[in-house]
Structures are given as C-alpha cells and as structure tokens.
C-alpha atoms as a PDB file:
ATOM      1  CA  MET A   1      52.727  56.766-230.246  1.00  0.00           C
ATOM      2  CA  PRO A   2      55.600  55.939-227.912  1.00  0.00           C
ATOM      3  CA  LYS A   3      55.218  56.697-224.213  1.00  0.00           C
ATOM      4  CA  ILE A   4      57.237  59.740-223.253  1.00  0.00           C
ATOM      5  CA  PRO A   5      58.715  59.684-219.799  1.00  0.00           C
ATOM      6  CA  ARG A   6      58.196  62.632-217.501  1.00  0.00           C
ATOM      7  CA  GLY A   7      60.613  65.461-218.151  1.00  0.00           C
ATOM      8  CA  ALA A   8      61.527  64.205-221.665  1.00  0.00           C
ATOM      9  CA  VAL A   9      60.916  65.910-225.019  1.00  0.00           C
ATOM     10  CA  LEU A  10      59.757  64.209-228.261  1.00  0.00           C
ATOM     11  CA  ALA A  11      61.643  65.513-231.344  1.00  0.00           C
ATOM     12  CA  MET A  12      61.679  64.438-235.024  1.00  0.00           C
ATOM     13  CA  ASP A  13      64.846  64.004-237.029  1.00  0.00           C
ATOM     14  CA  LYS A  14      64.162  65.636-240.468  1.00  0.00           C
ATOM     15  CA  SER A  15      66.857  63.633-242.237  1.00  0.00           C
ATOM     16  CA  THR A  16      65.440  60.236-241.272  1.00  0.00           C
ATOM     17  CA  GLY A  17      61.877  61.203-240.375  1.00  0.00           C
ATOM     18  CA  LEU A  18      62.153  59.306-237.093  1.00  0.00           C
ATOM     19  CA  TYR A  19      61.056  60.545-233.686  1.00  0.00           C
ATOM     20  CA  GLU A  20      63.475  60.536-230.806  1.00  0.00           C
ATOM     21  CA  VAL A  21      62.892  61.010-227.106  1.00  0.00           C
ATOM     22  CA  ILE A  22      65.314  63.565-225.713  1.00  0.00           C
ATOM     23  CA  LYS A  23      65.715  63.929-221.986  1.00  0.00           C
ATOM     24  CA  PRO A  24      67.358  67.291-221.097  1.00  0.00           C
ATOM     25  CA  SER A  25      70.052  67.498-218.475  1.00  0.00           C
ATOM     26  CA  LYS A  26      69.546  69.093-215.063  1.00  0.00           C
ATOM     27  CA  ALA A  27      71.486  72.182-216.140  1.00  0.00           C
ATOM     28  CA  ASN A  28      69.196  72.726-219.122  1.00  0.00           C
ATOM     29  CA  LYS A  29      66.122  72.161-216.988  1.00  0.00           C
ATOM     30  CA  ALA A  30      67.260  74.841-214.586  1.00  0.00           C
ATOM     31  CA  LYS A  31      68.111  77.192-217.439  1.00  0.00           C
ATOM     32  CA  PHE A  32      64.688  76.929-219.097  1.00  0.00           C
ATOM     33  CA  SER A  33      62.571  76.403-215.994  1.00  0.00           C
ATOM     34  CA  HIS A  34      60.827  79.726-216.477  1.00  0.00           C
ATOM     35  CA  VAL A  35      59.629  78.834-219.972  1.00  0.00           C
ATOM     36  CA  GLY A  36      55.872  78.497-220.057  1.00  0.00           C
ATOM     37  CA  ALA A  37      55.352  80.135-216.666  1.00  0.00           C
ATOM     38  CA  PRO A  38      52.553  82.707-216.494  1.00  0.00           C
ATOM     39  CA  ARG A  39      53.727  86.271-216.873  1.00  0.00           C
ATOM     40  CA  TYR A  40      54.032  88.224-213.621  1.00  0.00           C
ATOM     41  CA  GLN A  41      51.461  90.947-213.292  1.00  0.00           C
ATOM     42  CA  LYS A  42      52.095  93.889-210.997  1.00  0.00           C
ATOM     43  CA  HIS A  43      48.939  94.692-209.097  1.00  0.00           C
ATOM     44  CA  PRO A  44      48.409  98.300-208.009  1.00  0.00           C
ATOM     45  CA  VAL A  45      48.627  99.054-204.281  1.00  0.00           C
ATOM     46  CA  THR A  46      45.364 100.293-202.879  1.00  0.00           C
ATOM     47  CA  PHE A  47      45.171 102.623-199.880  1.00  0.00           C
ATOM     48  CA  ASP A  48      42.335 102.846-197.421  1.00  0.00           C
ATOM     49  CA  LEU A  49      41.296 106.460-197.603  1.00  0.00           C
ATOM     50  CA  SER A  50      38.438 106.109-195.151  1.00  0.00           C
ATOM     51  CA  TYR A  51      38.163 109.110-192.792  1.00  0.00           C
ATOM     52  CA  MET A  52      39.052 108.574-189.116  1.00  0.00           C
ATOM     53  CA  PRO A  53      37.480 111.222-186.900  1.00  0.00           C
ATOM     54  CA  PRO A  54      39.707 112.659-184.102  1.00  0.00           C
ATOM     55  CA  LEU A  55      39.339 111.307-180.586  1.00  0.00           C
ATOM     56  CA  THR A  56      37.123 113.177-178.185  1.00  0.00           C
ATOM     57  CA  LEU A  57      38.331 114.457-174.826  1.00  0.00           C
ATOM     58  CA  GLU A  58      36.706 111.553-172.977  1.00  0.00           C
ATOM     59  CA  GLN A  59      38.322 109.035-175.336  1.00  0.00           C
ATOM     60  CA  ARG A  60      41.743 110.661-174.882  1.00  0.00           C
ATOM     61  CA  LEU A  61      41.351 110.642-171.101  1.00  0.00           C
ATOM     62  CA  GLU A  62      40.260 107.021-171.162  1.00  0.00           C
ATOM     63  CA  LEU A  63      43.231 106.119-173.368  1.00  0.00           C
ATOM     64  CA  ALA A  64      45.633 108.015-171.097  1.00  0.00           C
ATOM     65  CA  SER A  65      44.171 106.272-168.042  1.00  0.00           C
ATOM     66  CA  TYR A  66      44.606 102.913-169.728  1.00  0.00           C
ATOM     67  CA  HIS A  67      48.259 103.618-170.551  1.00  0.00           C
ATOM     68  CA  GLN A  68      48.866 104.860-166.997  1.00  0.00           C
ATOM     69  CA  GLU A  69      47.440 101.636-165.561  1.00  0.00           C
ATOM     70  CA  GLU A  70      49.638  99.653-167.930  1.00  0.00           C
ATOM     71  CA  ARG A  71      52.748 101.559-166.784  1.00  0.00           C
ATOM     72  CA  GLU A  72      51.856 101.061-163.118  1.00  0.00           C
ATOM     73  CA  THR A  73      51.286  97.361-163.711  1.00  0.00           C
ATOM     74  CA  LEU A  74      54.633  97.008-165.488  1.00  0.00           C
ATOM     75  CA  SER A  75      56.379  98.957-162.712  1.00  0.00           C
ATOM     76  CA  LEU A  76      54.821  96.736-160.042  1.00  0.00           C
ATOM     77  CA  LEU A  77      55.741  93.636-162.007  1.00  0.00           C
ATOM     78  CA  SER A  78      59.342  94.848-162.337  1.00  0.00           C
ATOM     79  CA  HIS A  79      59.497  95.592-158.604  1.00  0.00           C
ATOM     80  CA  LEU A  80      58.124  92.168-157.700  1.00  0.00           C
ATOM     81  CA  THR A  81      60.571  90.511-160.087  1.00  0.00           C
ATOM     82  CA  MET A  82      63.503  92.275-158.431  1.00  0.00           C
ATOM     83  CA  GLU A  83      62.236  91.271-154.982  1.00  0.00           C
ATOM     84  CA  LYS A  84      61.878  87.693-156.162  1.00  0.00           C
ATOM     85  CA  ARG A  85      65.451  87.652-157.434  1.00  0.00           C
ATOM     86  CA  SER A  86      66.688  89.184-154.190  1.00  0.00           C
ATOM     87  CA  LEU A  87      64.882  86.542-152.150  1.00  0.00           C
ATOM     88  CA  GLU A  88      66.221  83.803-154.403  1.00  0.00           C
ATOM     89  CA  ASP A  89      69.759  85.101-153.878  1.00  0.00           C
ATOM     90  CA  CYS A  90      69.243  85.148-150.111  1.00  0.00           C
ATOM     91  CA  LEU A  91      67.854  81.624-150.100  1.00  0.00           C
ATOM     92  CA  SER A  92      70.519  80.256-152.417  1.00  0.00           C
ATOM     93  CA  ASP A  93      73.364  81.470-150.158  1.00  0.00           C
ATOM     94  CA  PRO A  94      72.872  80.239-146.578  1.00  0.00           C
ATOM     95  CA  PRO A  95      73.792  82.846-143.944  1.00  0.00           C
ATOM     96  CA  ILE A  96      77.023  82.561-141.986  1.00  0.00           C
ATOM     97  CA  PRO A  97      76.426  81.309-138.430  1.00  0.00           C
ATOM     98  CA  LEU A  98      76.527  83.975-135.752  1.00  0.00           C
ATOM     99  CA  ILE A  99      79.400  82.302-133.883  1.00  0.00           C
ATOM    100  CA  ASP A 100      81.541  82.449-137.025  1.00  0.00           C
ATOM    101  CA  ARG A 101      80.727  86.083-137.618  1.00  0.00           C
ATOM    102  CA  ILE A 102      81.670  86.971-134.046  1.00  0.00           C
ATOM    103  CA  SER A 103      84.868  84.933-133.909  1.00  0.00           C
ATOM    104  CA  ASP A 104      86.144  85.735-137.418  1.00  0.00           C
ATOM    105  CA  LEU A 105      86.198  89.518-137.315  1.00  0.00           C
ATOM    106  CA  PRO A 106      88.097  91.156-140.172  1.00  0.00           C
ATOM    107  CA  ALA A 107      91.449  92.615-139.315  1.00  0.00           C
ATOM    108  CA  SER A 108      90.511  96.009-140.760  1.00  0.00           C
ATOM    109  CA  SER A 109      87.466  96.488-138.512  1.00  0.00           C
ATOM    110  CA  SER A 110      87.746  99.473-136.180  1.00  0.00           C
ATOM    111  CA  PRO A 111      87.372  98.925-132.426  1.00  0.00           C
ATOM    112  CA  ILE A 112      84.035  99.693-130.838  1.00  0.00           C
ATOM    113  CA  GLN A 113      84.016 103.085-129.125  1.00  0.00           C
ATOM    114  CA  ILE A 114      81.546 103.598-126.298  1.00  0.00           C
ATOM    115  CA  PRO A 115      79.983 107.075-126.561  1.00  0.00           C
ATOM    116  CA  PRO A 116      80.395 109.407-123.576  1.00  0.00           C
ATOM    117  CA  PRO A 117      77.490 109.721-121.149  1.00  0.00           C
ATOM    118  CA  ILE A 118      74.957 112.490-121.593  1.00  0.00           C
ATOM    119  CA  PRO A 119      76.012 115.516-119.514  1.00  0.00           C
ATOM    120  CA  LYS A 120      73.766 116.363-116.598  1.00  0.00           C
ATOM    121  CA  THR A 121      73.750 120.031-117.561  1.00  0.00           C
ATOM    122  CA  LEU A 122      72.153 119.298-120.936  1.00  0.00           C
ATOM    123  CA  LYS A 123      68.765 120.970-121.218  1.00  0.00           C
ATOM    124  CA  PHE A 124      66.349 120.809-124.113  1.00  0.00           C
ATOM    125  CA  ARG A 125      64.586 123.985-125.188  1.00  0.00           C
ATOM    126  CA  LYS A 126      60.849 124.115-125.638  1.00  0.00           C
ATOM    127  CA  SER A 127      59.790 124.538-129.231  1.00  0.00           C
ATOM    128  CA  LYS A 128      57.094 127.038-128.169  1.00  0.00           C
ATOM    129  CA  LEU A 129      59.697 129.414-126.735  1.00  0.00           C
ATOM    130  CA  LEU A 130      61.971 128.967-129.736  1.00  0.00           C
ATOM    131  CA  LEU A 131      59.110 129.963-132.039  1.00  0.00           C
ATOM    132  CA  ARG A 132      58.317 133.013-129.908  1.00  0.00           C
ATOM    133  CA  ILE A 133      61.943 134.163-130.015  1.00  0.00           C
ATOM    134  CA  GLU A 134      62.096 133.633-133.769  1.00  0.00           C
ATOM    135  CA  GLU A 135      58.872 135.587-134.340  1.00  0.00           C
ATOM    136  CA  LEU A 136      59.536 138.485-131.923  1.00  0.00           C
ATOM    137  CA  LYS A 137      63.231 139.163-132.555  1.00  0.00           C
ATOM    138  CA  PRO A 138      62.739 140.861-135.985  1.00  0.00           C
ATOM    139  CA  ASN A 139      60.169 143.233-134.424  1.00  0.00           C
ATOM    140  CA  LEU A 140      62.571 143.989-131.579  1.00  0.00           C
ATOM    141  CA  VAL A 141      65.414 144.819-133.978  1.00  0.00           C
ATOM    142  CA  ALA A 142      63.114 147.011-136.096  1.00  0.00           C
ATOM    143  CA  THR A 143      61.969 148.942-132.995  1.00  0.00           C
ATOM    144  CA  ILE A 144      65.580 149.604-131.907  1.00  0.00           C
ATOM    145  CA  ILE A 145      66.470 150.895-135.380  1.00  0.00           C
ATOM    146  CA  ARG A 146      63.374 153.115-135.347  1.00  0.00           C
ATOM    147  CA  LEU A 147      64.295 154.643-131.955  1.00  0.00           C
ATOM    148  CA  GLN A 148      67.891 155.467-132.910  1.00  0.00           C
ATOM    149  CA  PRO A 149      67.046 158.999-134.244  1.00  0.00           C
ATOM    150  CA  ILE A 150      65.266 159.708-130.934  1.00  0.00           C
ATOM    151  CA  VAL A 151      68.297 158.538-128.955  1.00  0.00           C
ATOM    152  CA  ALA A 152      70.633 160.647-131.090  1.00  0.00           C
ATOM    153  CA  LYS A 153      68.559 163.775-130.402  1.00  0.00           C
ATOM    154  CA  LEU A 154      68.417 162.922-126.675  1.00  0.00           C
ATOM    155  CA  SER A 155      72.225 162.760-126.648  1.00  0.00           C
ATOM    156  CA  ALA A 156      72.323 166.208-128.244  1.00  0.00           C
ATOM    157  CA  GLU A 157      69.861 167.457-125.590  1.00  0.00           C
ATOM    158  CA  ALA A 158      72.117 166.111-122.832  1.00  0.00           C
ATOM    159  CA  GLU A 159      75.126 167.953-124.296  1.00  0.00           C
ATOM    160  CA  LYS A 160      73.102 171.192-124.409  1.00  0.00           C
ATOM    161  CA  GLN A 161      72.115 170.727-120.764  1.00  0.00           C
ATOM    162  CA  LYS A 162      75.780 170.334-119.753  1.00  0.00           C
ATOM    163  CA  LEU A 163      76.638 173.566-121.576  1.00  0.00           C
ATOM    164  CA  GLY A 164      73.730 175.393-119.942  1.00  0.00           C
ATOM    165  CA  LEU A 165      71.820 175.798-123.175  1.00  0.00           C
ATOM    166  CA  PRO A 166      68.018 175.571-123.316  1.00  0.00           C
ATOM    167  CA  ILE A 167      66.559 172.100-123.960  1.00  0.00           C
ATOM    168  CA  THR A 168      63.190 171.044-125.381  1.00  0.00           C
ATOM    169  CA  VAL A 169      62.679 167.744-123.543  1.00  0.00           C
ATOM    170  CA  SER A 170      62.433 167.269-119.787  1.00  0.00           C
ATOM    171  CA  PRO A 171      65.464 165.472-118.262  1.00  0.00           C
ATOM    172  CA  ASP A 172      63.150 162.977-116.528  1.00  0.00           C
ATOM    173  CA  ILE A 173      61.552 162.023-119.851  1.00  0.00           C
ATOM    174  CA  GLY A 174      64.968 161.770-121.488  1.00  0.00           C
ATOM    175  CA  ILE A 175      66.283 159.443-118.757  1.00  0.00           C
ATOM    176  CA  LYS A 176      63.210 157.189-118.996  1.00  0.00           C
ATOM    177  CA  LEU A 177      63.542 156.935-122.775  1.00  0.00           C
ATOM    178  CA  TRP A 178      67.275 156.248-122.451  1.00  0.00           C
ATOM    179  CA  ASP A 179      66.650 153.425-119.965  1.00  0.00           C
ATOM    180  CA  CYS A 180      63.935 151.959-122.220  1.00  0.00           C
ATOM    181  CA  PHE A 181      66.252 152.015-125.249  1.00  0.00           C
ATOM    182  CA  GLN A 182      69.131 150.386-123.352  1.00  0.00           C
ATOM    183  CA  ARG A 183      66.797 147.672-122.037  1.00  0.00           C
ATOM    184  CA  LEU A 184      65.583 146.965-125.580  1.00  0.00           C
ATOM    185  CA  GLU A 185      69.191 146.608-126.761  1.00  0.00           C
ATOM    186  CA  GLU A 186      69.943 144.236-123.880  1.00  0.00           C
ATOM    187  CA  LEU A 187      66.874 142.138-124.682  1.00  0.00           C
ATOM    188  CA  GLU A 188      67.847 141.960-128.353  1.00  0.00           C
ATOM    189  CA  GLU A 189      71.359 140.806-127.450  1.00  0.00           C
ATOM    190  CA  LYS A 190      70.342 138.180-124.874  1.00  0.00           C
ATOM    191  CA  LEU A 191      66.877 137.168-126.073  1.00  0.00           C
ATOM    192  CA  ASP A 192      68.087 133.737-127.233  1.00  0.00           C
ATOM    193  CA  THR A 193      69.122 132.981-123.636  1.00  0.00           C
ATOM    194  CA  ILE A 194      66.840 134.887-121.277  1.00  0.00           C
ATOM    195  CA  GLY A 195      63.831 134.367-123.522  1.00  0.00           C
ATOM    196  CA  HIS A 196      63.529 130.807-122.194  1.00  0.00           C
ATOM    197  CA  THR A 197      62.970 132.167-118.669  1.00  0.00           C
ATOM    198  CA  PHE A 198      60.119 134.531-119.592  1.00  0.00           C
ATOM    199  CA  THR A 199      56.611 133.747-118.481  1.00  0.00           C
ATOM    200  CA  ASN A 200      53.616 134.069-120.777  1.00  0.00           C
ATOM    201  CA  ALA A 201      52.747 137.415-119.160  1.00  0.00           C
ATOM    202  CA  GLN A 202      56.252 138.746-119.825  1.00  0.00           C
ATOM    203  CA  TRP A 203      56.063 137.662-123.458  1.00  0.00           C
ATOM    204  CA  ARG A 204      52.713 139.423-123.835  1.00  0.00           C
ATOM    205  CA  GLY A 205      54.122 142.543-122.151  1.00  0.00           C
ATOM    206  CA  LEU A 206      57.136 142.697-124.472  1.00  0.00           C
ATOM    207  CA  SER A 207      55.022 142.132-127.575  1.00  0.00           C
ATOM    208  CA  GLY A 208      52.507 144.775-126.464  1.00  0.00           C
ATOM    209  CA  ALA A 209      55.282 147.312-125.757  1.00  0.00           C
ATOM    210  CA  LEU A 210      56.710 146.908-129.252  1.00  0.00           C
ATOM    211  CA  LYS A 211      53.248 147.379-130.767  1.00  0.00           C
ATOM    212  CA  LYS A 212      52.677 150.568-128.723  1.00  0.00           C
ATOM    213  CA  ILE A 213      55.987 152.056-129.865  1.00  0.00           C
ATOM    214  CA  GLY A 214      55.144 151.135-133.444  1.00  0.00           C
ATOM    215  CA  ARG A 215      51.907 153.150-133.289  1.00  0.00           C
ATOM    216  CA  VAL A 216      53.728 156.411-132.435  1.00  0.00           C
ATOM    217  CA  SER A 217      54.329 158.486-135.566  1.00  0.00           C
ATOM    218  CA  PHE A 218      57.855 159.833-136.131  1.00  0.00           C
ATOM    219  CA  VAL A 219      56.856 161.943-139.140  1.00  0.00           C
ATOM    220  CA  ASN A 220      58.539 165.398-139.197  1.00  0.00           C
ATOM    221  CA  LEU A 221      60.645 164.450-136.170  1.00  0.00           C
ATOM    222  CA  ALA A 222      62.806 167.589-136.291  1.00  0.00           C
ATOM    223  CA  ASP A 223      59.782 169.819-135.569  1.00  0.00           C
ATOM    224  CA  ARG A 224      57.819 167.354-133.416  1.00  0.00           C
ATOM    225  CA  PHE A 225      60.658 165.992-131.266  1.00  0.00           C
ATOM    226  CA  PRO A 226      59.284 167.158-127.866  1.00  0.00           C
ATOM    227  CA  GLU A 227      55.787 165.964-128.814  1.00  0.00           C
ATOM    228  CA  VAL A 228      57.073 162.527-129.899  1.00  0.00           C
ATOM    229  CA  CYS A 229      59.073 162.111-126.674  1.00  0.00           C
ATOM    230  CA  LYS A 230      55.962 163.036-124.643  1.00  0.00           C
ATOM    231  CA  GLU A 231      53.894 160.441-126.542  1.00  0.00           C
ATOM    232  CA  LEU A 232      56.528 157.754-125.866  1.00  0.00           C
ATOM    233  CA  ASP A 233      56.602 158.666-122.172  1.00  0.00           C
ATOM    234  CA  ASP A 234      52.807 158.534-121.918  1.00  0.00           C
ATOM    235  CA  LEU A 235      52.857 154.925-123.135  1.00  0.00           C
ATOM    236  CA  ASP A 236      54.159 153.935-119.669  1.00  0.00           C
ATOM    237  CA  ILE A 237      55.997 150.933-121.109  1.00  0.00           C
ATOM    238  CA  THR A 238      57.183 148.184-118.735  1.00  0.00           C
ATOM    239  CA  LEU A 239      59.761 145.802-120.172  1.00  0.00           C
ATOM    240  CA  PRO A 240      60.581 142.384-118.666  1.00  0.00           C
END
C-alpha cells in the first residue's frame, strides 16, 4: 500500500485498475472543507426561573445608603481632581513679578478713584428701635382708622354747637379727643424719625395707650356715641 501524503486522496482508475494519489487544490479544499464535519445541533436556551423575594425595607435603606456614599465619594473625587488640575495649572505657569504688574498697566484700566470721606453727620440707627417702629406702626395706623368715625361725629357736634343746636358730648371731652387724634396722626407721620428719640418708658406708654383704645367697644356707635366718648376720656391717655 503506497504512503499517502497528508491532504491527498487515493483513487482507482477503473479502466486500468491502477491507484492514483490525487492531491486537491487549495480552492477545492476550501470548497469541501465542511465535508465530514459534525452536524451543528441547536441547544435550547434555559432560563433560571428561581424566585427572588422582594427586598425588605432595611435592605432598601441599606442599598440606598450605599449608593449615596458612592455618589458622595465620586463627587469628592471629582472635586479633588479639579483642584489638582487647578493647582497644576498654577504651578505650570509662574506668576508675573509684582514690579512688572505695577509698571505694565493695561491702557484700558480705569484710574483709581478715592472714595469721599464719611460725613460727620452720618448716624447709624439702633436695630432695637427699628424693630419697635416696625412692630408698632401697623397698630398705630389701625387705631387711627378706628377713631375716624368718632372724629367725624365730633366734627358734626362742633357744627351743631356753632349753630346753637343741642349737643350730646361735652366740649371739653371733644377737645381732648380731638387733640389725642391729631397727636396720633402726627406720631404715625413722623414715627420713623422721632421714634429713635423715644425712651423705653415712652415706648411702653404709646403701646399701652393703643391697647387701651383697642379695648373700647365701638359697637352700635350711632346710639352709644356719648357713652363711647366718655369711655375714651376716662382712659386718661398720655401720648409721648
């Protein structure tokens, strides 16, 4: 039996009965390379159907805490990286000497303007007084608005007195209430200025006067006008 080289095929010629060794070309080898190969078998895909129970509250909190720590770590790392790059940029570029920066001023730089001196009349307000004014002014405005019907009726009483008609409120009481109302209007107008000169006792007196006026009832004022004026007069209010 002749020795067959690797890659060759032994074939018999029927006409002569002789065997010949045929060596196929590279093209034929490539064409029939799949001959004799095992048949491809498609294996089924298996899925893991094992049950995964849901996470408990503690596990979810622990997982959220872990992710939060990871985010904080990444944020810190990013911040440190940016600082490192900034420092590297500063170190790579040496600073300009001070003498050069002073002597080589840009042409577009504006001249230095010295600010004016602080005026001697400048006075700083105390925050305590500012808070008192801010708290008391709404009450003062509300009291003035509340007394306006009284003042309107007192004006009508004064007109009746001039005409010789009978009046229901004593002139002395009317004058005292008029003066009190005008003083309240003056305080409301100038409280932002004169309020800084008030003493603690004056602030307490003004606050107490507004509270006293607020306790007087103006219900059914048309029928109780003399009584209401008498109650206001009996308060004996002293304004700063």
